[in-house]
Amino acid sequence: MFWQATFFSAANSAMAFYALSLGRPAAAAACIAASALGCLFAGMVRKRVSESV
């Protein structure tokens, strides 16, 4: 689950750079927000797994 969230975040970061290169700042902002949510989710999953061990 952690790696899936990390991959999701990295993919959204890449899409944000691509959207910026196309001159679409609103789309890039949406990708950055999704990337931040992916990082937050990955952190929550990692914390919960470390607490359960």
PDB file of N, CA and C in Angstrom:
ATOM      1  N   MET A   1       0.828  -1.192   0.000  1.00  0.00           N
ATOM      2  CA  MET A   1       0.000   0.000   0.000  1.00  0.00           C
ATOM      3  C   MET A   1       0.875   1.259   0.000  1.00  0.00           C
ATOM      4  N   PHE A   2       1.948   1.243   0.782  1.00  0.00           N
ATOM      5  CA  PHE A   2       2.837   2.406   0.827  1.00  0.00           C
ATOM      6  C   PHE A   2       3.445   2.676  -0.538  1.00  0.00           C
ATOM      7  N   TRP A   3       3.891   1.612  -1.218  1.00  0.00           N
ATOM      8  CA  TRP A   3       4.536   1.802  -2.514  1.00  0.00           C
ATOM      9  C   TRP A   3       3.547   2.251  -3.571  1.00  0.00           C
ATOM     10  N   GLN A   4       2.301   1.802  -3.462  1.00  0.00           N
ATOM     11  CA  GLN A   4       1.279   2.244  -4.405  1.00  0.00           C
ATOM     12  C   GLN A   4       1.031   3.740  -4.251  1.00  0.00           C
ATOM     13  N   ALA A   5       0.943   4.218  -3.009  1.00  0.00           N
ATOM     14  CA  ALA A   5       0.729   5.643  -2.769  1.00  0.00           C
ATOM     15  C   ALA A   5       1.931   6.460  -3.222  1.00  0.00           C
ATOM     16  N   THR A   6       3.126   5.916  -3.026  1.00  0.00           N
ATOM     17  CA  THR A   6       4.339   6.608  -3.468  1.00  0.00           C
ATOM     18  C   THR A   6       4.378   6.712  -4.990  1.00  0.00           C
ATOM     19  N   PHE A   7       4.015   5.624  -5.670  1.00  0.00           N
ATOM     20  CA  PHE A   7       3.985   5.648  -7.129  1.00  0.00           C
ATOM     21  C   PHE A   7       2.930   6.635  -7.630  1.00  0.00           C
ATOM     22  N   PHE A   8       1.771   6.648  -6.984  1.00  0.00           N
ATOM     23  CA  PHE A   8       0.701   7.586  -7.346  1.00  0.00           C
ATOM     24  C   PHE A   8       1.189   9.025  -7.220  1.00  0.00           C
ATOM     25  N   SER A   9       1.906   9.314  -6.154  1.00  0.00           N
ATOM     26  CA  SER A   9       2.432  10.658  -5.932  1.00  0.00           C
ATOM     27  C   SER A   9       3.471  11.023  -6.992  1.00  0.00           C
ATOM     28  N   ALA A  10       4.351  10.111  -7.299  1.00  0.00           N
ATOM     29  CA  ALA A  10       5.378  10.380  -8.318  1.00  0.00           C
ATOM     30  C   ALA A  10       4.754  10.578  -9.693  1.00  0.00           C
ATOM     31  N   ALA A  11       3.740   9.781 -10.004  1.00  0.00           N
ATOM     32  CA  ALA A  11       3.071   9.913 -11.303  1.00  0.00           C
ATOM     33  C   ALA A  11       2.376  11.268 -11.411  1.00  0.00           C
ATOM     34  N   ASN A  12       1.753  11.716 -10.333  1.00  0.00           N
ATOM     35  CA  ASN A  12       1.094  13.015 -10.364  1.00  0.00           C
ATOM     36  C   ASN A  12       2.102  14.155 -10.469  1.00  0.00           C
ATOM     37  N   SER A  13       3.257  13.998  -9.865  1.00  0.00           N
ATOM     38  CA  SER A  13       4.290  15.019 -10.001  1.00  0.00           C
ATOM     39  C   SER A  13       4.757  15.118 -11.450  1.00  0.00           C
ATOM     40  N   ALA A  14       4.939  13.966 -12.081  1.00  0.00           N
ATOM     41  CA  ALA A  14       5.346  13.960 -13.485  1.00  0.00           C
ATOM     42  C   ALA A  14       4.272  14.597 -14.366  1.00  0.00           C
ATOM     43  N   MET A  15       3.009  14.309 -14.077  1.00  0.00           N
ATOM     44  CA  MET A  15       1.921  14.900 -14.862  1.00  0.00           C
ATOM     45  C   MET A  15       1.858  16.409 -14.648  1.00  0.00           C
ATOM     46  N   ALA A  16       2.207  16.872 -13.440  1.00  0.00           N
ATOM     47  CA  ALA A  16       2.212  18.316 -13.178  1.00  0.00           C
ATOM     48  C   ALA A  16       3.268  19.015 -14.038  1.00  0.00           C
ATOM     49  N   PHE A  17       4.464  18.440 -14.131  1.00  0.00           N
ATOM     50  CA  PHE A  17       5.505  19.024 -14.979  1.00  0.00           C
ATOM     51  C   PHE A  17       5.085  19.033 -16.445  1.00  0.00           C
ATOM     52  N   TYR A  18       4.419  17.951 -16.869  1.00  0.00           N
ATOM     53  CA  TYR A  18       3.949  17.882 -18.246  1.00  0.00           C
ATOM     54  C   TYR A  18       2.884  18.946 -18.508  1.00  0.00           C
ATOM     55  N   ALA A  19       1.964  19.126 -17.553  1.00  0.00           N
ATOM     56  CA  ALA A  19       0.917  20.144 -17.708  1.00  0.00           C
ATOM     57  C   ALA A  19       1.523  21.545 -17.748  1.00  0.00           C
ATOM     58  N   LEU A  20       2.559  21.786 -16.947  1.00  0.00           N
ATOM     59  CA  LEU A  20       3.231  23.089 -16.992  1.00  0.00           C
ATOM     60  C   LEU A  20       3.908  23.309 -18.339  1.00  0.00           C
ATOM     61  N   SER A  21       4.485  22.247 -18.878  1.00  0.00           N
ATOM     62  CA  SER A  21       5.154  22.383 -20.173  1.00  0.00           C
ATOM     63  C   SER A  21       4.149  22.669 -21.287  1.00  0.00           C
ATOM     64  N   LEU A  22       2.905  22.254 -21.094  1.00  0.00           N
ATOM     65  CA  LEU A  22       1.857  22.543 -22.071  1.00  0.00           C
ATOM     66  C   LEU A  22       1.218  23.911 -21.846  1.00  0.00           C
ATOM     67  N   GLY A  23       1.622  24.585 -20.766  1.00  0.00           N
ATOM     68  CA  GLY A  23       1.069  25.901 -20.462  1.00  0.00           C
ATOM     69  C   GLY A  23      -0.291  25.833 -19.794  1.00  0.00           C
ATOM     70  N   ARG A  24      -0.509  24.819 -18.978  1.00  0.00           N
ATOM     71  CA  ARG A  24      -1.788  24.660 -18.274  1.00  0.00           C
ATOM     72  C   ARG A  24      -1.545  24.671 -16.760  1.00  0.00           C
ATOM     73  N   PRO A  25      -1.447  25.857 -16.172  1.00  0.00           N
ATOM     74  CA  PRO A  25      -1.127  25.929 -14.741  1.00  0.00           C
ATOM     75  C   PRO A  25      -2.228  25.375 -13.843  1.00  0.00           C
ATOM     76  N   ALA A  26      -3.491  25.476 -14.248  1.00  0.00           N
ATOM     77  CA  ALA A  26      -4.568  24.947 -13.400  1.00  0.00           C
ATOM     78  C   ALA A  26      -4.492  23.421 -13.323  1.00  0.00           C
ATOM     79  N   ALA A  27      -4.209  22.791 -14.447  1.00  0.00           N
ATOM     80  CA  ALA A  27      -4.061  21.332 -14.447  1.00  0.00           C
ATOM     81  C   ALA A  27      -2.844  20.922 -13.624  1.00  0.00           C
ATOM     82  N   ALA A  28      -1.776  21.696 -13.722  1.00  0.00           N
ATOM     83  CA  ALA A  28      -0.577  21.399 -12.937  1.00  0.00           C
ATOM     84  C   ALA A  28      -0.863  21.530 -11.445  1.00  0.00           C
ATOM     85  N   ALA A  29      -1.623  22.538 -11.060  1.00  0.00           N
ATOM     86  CA  ALA A  29      -1.969  22.718  -9.647  1.00  0.00           C
ATOM     87  C   ALA A  29      -2.806  21.549  -9.140  1.00  0.00           C
ATOM     88  N   ALA A  30      -3.713  21.051  -9.966  1.00  0.00           N
ATOM     89  CA  ALA A  30      -4.524  19.895  -9.569  1.00  0.00           C
ATOM     90  C   ALA A  30      -3.647  18.658  -9.386  1.00  0.00           C
ATOM     91  N   CYS A  31      -2.671  18.474 -10.256  1.00  0.00           N
ATOM     92  CA  CYS A  31      -1.760  17.330 -10.133  1.00  0.00           C
ATOM     93  C   CYS A  31      -0.894  17.454  -8.886  1.00  0.00           C
ATOM     94  N   ILE A  32      -0.448  18.660  -8.584  1.00  0.00           N
ATOM     95  CA  ILE A  32       0.369  18.874  -7.387  1.00  0.00           C
ATOM     96  C   ILE A  32      -0.452  18.601  -6.134  1.00  0.00           C
ATOM     97  N   ALA A  33      -1.712  19.027  -6.126  1.00  0.00           N
ATOM     98  CA  ALA A  33      -2.583  18.757  -4.977  1.00  0.00           C
ATOM     99  C   ALA A  33      -2.805  17.256  -4.808  1.00  0.00           C
ATOM    100  N   ALA A  34      -3.016  16.546  -5.903  1.00  0.00           N
ATOM    101  CA  ALA A  34      -3.192  15.095  -5.829  1.00  0.00           C
ATOM    102  C   ALA A  34      -1.913  14.423  -5.352  1.00  0.00           C
ATOM    103  N   SER A  35      -0.776  14.947  -5.777  1.00  0.00           N
ATOM    104  CA  SER A  35       0.506  14.400  -5.338  1.00  0.00           C
ATOM    105  C   SER A  35       0.691  14.593  -3.836  1.00  0.00           C
ATOM    106  N   ALA A  36       0.319  15.763  -3.347  1.00  0.00           N
ATOM    107  CA  ALA A  36       0.430  16.030  -1.909  1.00  0.00           C
ATOM    108  C   ALA A  36      -0.482  15.096  -1.113  1.00  0.00           C
ATOM    109  N   LEU A  37      -1.679  14.860  -1.617  1.00  0.00           N
ATOM    110  CA  LEU A  37      -2.582  13.928  -0.939  1.00  0.00           C
ATOM    111  C   LEU A  37      -2.005  12.515  -0.946  1.00  0.00           C
ATOM    112  N   GLY A  38      -1.367  12.137  -2.042  1.00  0.00           N
ATOM    113  CA  GLY A  38      -0.723  10.824  -2.099  1.00  0.00           C
ATOM    114  C   GLY A  38       0.394  10.697  -1.083  1.00  0.00           C
ATOM    115  N   CYS A  39       1.183  11.751  -0.922  1.00  0.00           N
ATOM    116  CA  CYS A  39       2.255  11.733   0.087  1.00  0.00           C
ATOM    117  C   CYS A  39       1.684  11.632   1.489  1.00  0.00           C
ATOM    118  N   LEU A  40       0.619  12.375   1.754  1.00  0.00           N
ATOM    119  CA  LEU A  40      -0.027  12.334   3.066  1.00  0.00           C
ATOM    120  C   LEU A  40      -0.558  10.932   3.353  1.00  0.00           C
ATOM    121  N   PHE A  41      -1.218  10.337   2.352  1.00  0.00           N
ATOM    122  CA  PHE A  41      -1.769   8.997   2.529  1.00  0.00           C
ATOM    123  C   PHE A  41      -0.661   7.978   2.756  1.00  0.00           C
ATOM    124  N   ALA A  42       0.430   8.085   2.012  1.00  0.00           N
ATOM    125  CA  ALA A  42       1.554   7.159   2.185  1.00  0.00           C
ATOM    126  C   ALA A  42       2.142   7.288   3.588  1.00  0.00           C
ATOM    127  N   GLY A  43       2.232   8.504   4.083  1.00  0.00           N
ATOM    128  CA  GLY A  43       2.742   8.718   5.437  1.00  0.00           C
ATOM    129  C   GLY A  43       1.833   8.114   6.489  1.00  0.00           C
ATOM    130  N   MET A  44       0.525   8.246   6.298  1.00  0.00           N
ATOM    131  CA  MET A  44      -0.425   7.669   7.252  1.00  0.00           C
ATOM    132  C   MET A  44      -0.348   6.155   7.247  1.00  0.00           C
ATOM    133  N   VAL A  45      -0.227   5.567   6.057  1.00  0.00           N
ATOM    134  CA  VAL A  45      -0.127   4.105   5.958  1.00  0.00           C
ATOM    135  C   VAL A  45       1.147   3.621   6.624  1.00  0.00           C
ATOM    136  N   ARG A  46       2.250   4.312   6.356  1.00  0.00           N
ATOM    137  CA  ARG A  46       3.537   3.896   6.939  1.00  0.00           C
ATOM    138  C   ARG A  46       3.498   3.997   8.467  1.00  0.00           C
ATOM    139  N   LYS A  47       2.885   5.044   8.993  1.00  0.00           N
ATOM    140  CA  LYS A  47       2.800   5.215  10.446  1.00  0.00           C
ATOM    141  C   LYS A  47       1.950   4.112  11.060  1.00  0.00           C
ATOM    142  N   ARG A  48       0.827   3.805  10.434  1.00  0.00           N
ATOM    143  CA  ARG A  48      -0.064   2.779  10.973  1.00  0.00           C
ATOM    144  C   ARG A  48       0.609   1.410  10.952  1.00  0.00           C
ATOM    145  N   VAL A  49       1.361   1.116   9.898  1.00  0.00           N
ATOM    146  CA  VAL A  49       2.056  -0.169   9.818  1.00  0.00           C
ATOM    147  C   VAL A  49       3.128  -0.249  10.888  1.00  0.00           C
ATOM    148  N   SER A  50       3.856   0.846  11.117  1.00  0.00           N
ATOM    149  CA  SER A  50       4.922   0.815  12.119  1.00  0.00           C
ATOM    150  C   SER A  50       4.353   0.710  13.529  1.00  0.00           C
ATOM    151  N   GLU A  51       3.145   1.237  13.770  1.00  0.00           N
ATOM    152  CA  GLU A  51       2.525   1.124  15.091  1.00  0.00           C
ATOM    153  C   GLU A  51       2.016  -0.285  15.353  1.00  0.00           C
ATOM    154  N   SER A  52       1.617  -0.992  14.309  1.00  0.00           N
ATOM    155  CA  SER A  52       1.039  -2.317  14.497  1.00  0.00           C
ATOM    156  C   SER A  52       2.100  -3.393  14.686  1.00  0.00           C
ATOM    157  N   VAL A  53       3.357  -3.076  14.387  1.00  0.00           N
ATOM    158  CA  VAL A  53       4.427  -4.075  14.507  1.00  0.00           C
ATOM    159  C   VAL A  53       4.981  -4.083  15.910  1.00  0.00           C
TER     160      VAL A  53
END
